């Protein structure tokens, strides 16, 4: 099964919804409202988990409404891992486009993936450190400071402003800055090192959560000479041995690459809804 086509279709649908929601609201259709910070579908409220964490620390209170708004996101992450990041996040779609430009026009390749886990460990330390500092600051200032650097939330808000007011706010400058840095300096740096939403979602995982698995029990080296799975990973992981790493977004690129080149390790998804692996 090739996941790339389905993933791209899902990304485009979610991206389109950023504009569809405010457009429907303009015609006084309020079945669905909000942005990707928090969206309401009828009586169902779904919030960015990073927004909920900040709200708890900023207010000093945990309310039923906050917990309820986070249940859907938590359940989705527990079952399917960071699929929001790999399959739906609008900024991830932007980052995909930027990386294609970087590789084809600027002719610069992403950094080589780590084979010893050190790079992934440092990346996780950096992004969780950023999340902790941001959350602590939100508590001290009683302001959700991480919302000001939430790429998917900002994109969704800018889409709403564009549809309703035919303009954009100064926050679009933050997205422009991310694009420039990813294009000229380091690809995927925001998703890999800083994104608060991805960091919170990564916490919700169990041995049964969807992850990348291999038929080789203790892989110490790539199962194919070309190491195509590592080359395909946007997070700089070595999927043949780091499929369960908290950086993984379950995008499926490594599995597609493995299957395309006949990797004997047979990378696949494993988890509660998938047979044959854990």
Foldseek 3Di string as FASTA:
>chain_A
DDLQVVLVVQQVVLLVVLQVQLVCVVVVNVCWDDFQQWIHRNPQIAHQVLNLLLLCLLVVDDDPVSVRNHPVLLVCCAAANQLCQQRYQNVNVVLVVLQVCLCPPVVDAADAFDLPCPVLVVLLVQAVVLSVVQSNVCNVVSHNVCCLQAVSRQSSVQSSCCNPPVGGDPSVVNVVVVSVCCNPPHRPCCLRHHHNSLSVSLVNYDQQHKWKEWQDPADNDFQDPVLQLQSQDRNRHSCHHCRSRSSDNPNCRSQNRCVVVVRPRNIDIGHDPDPDHD
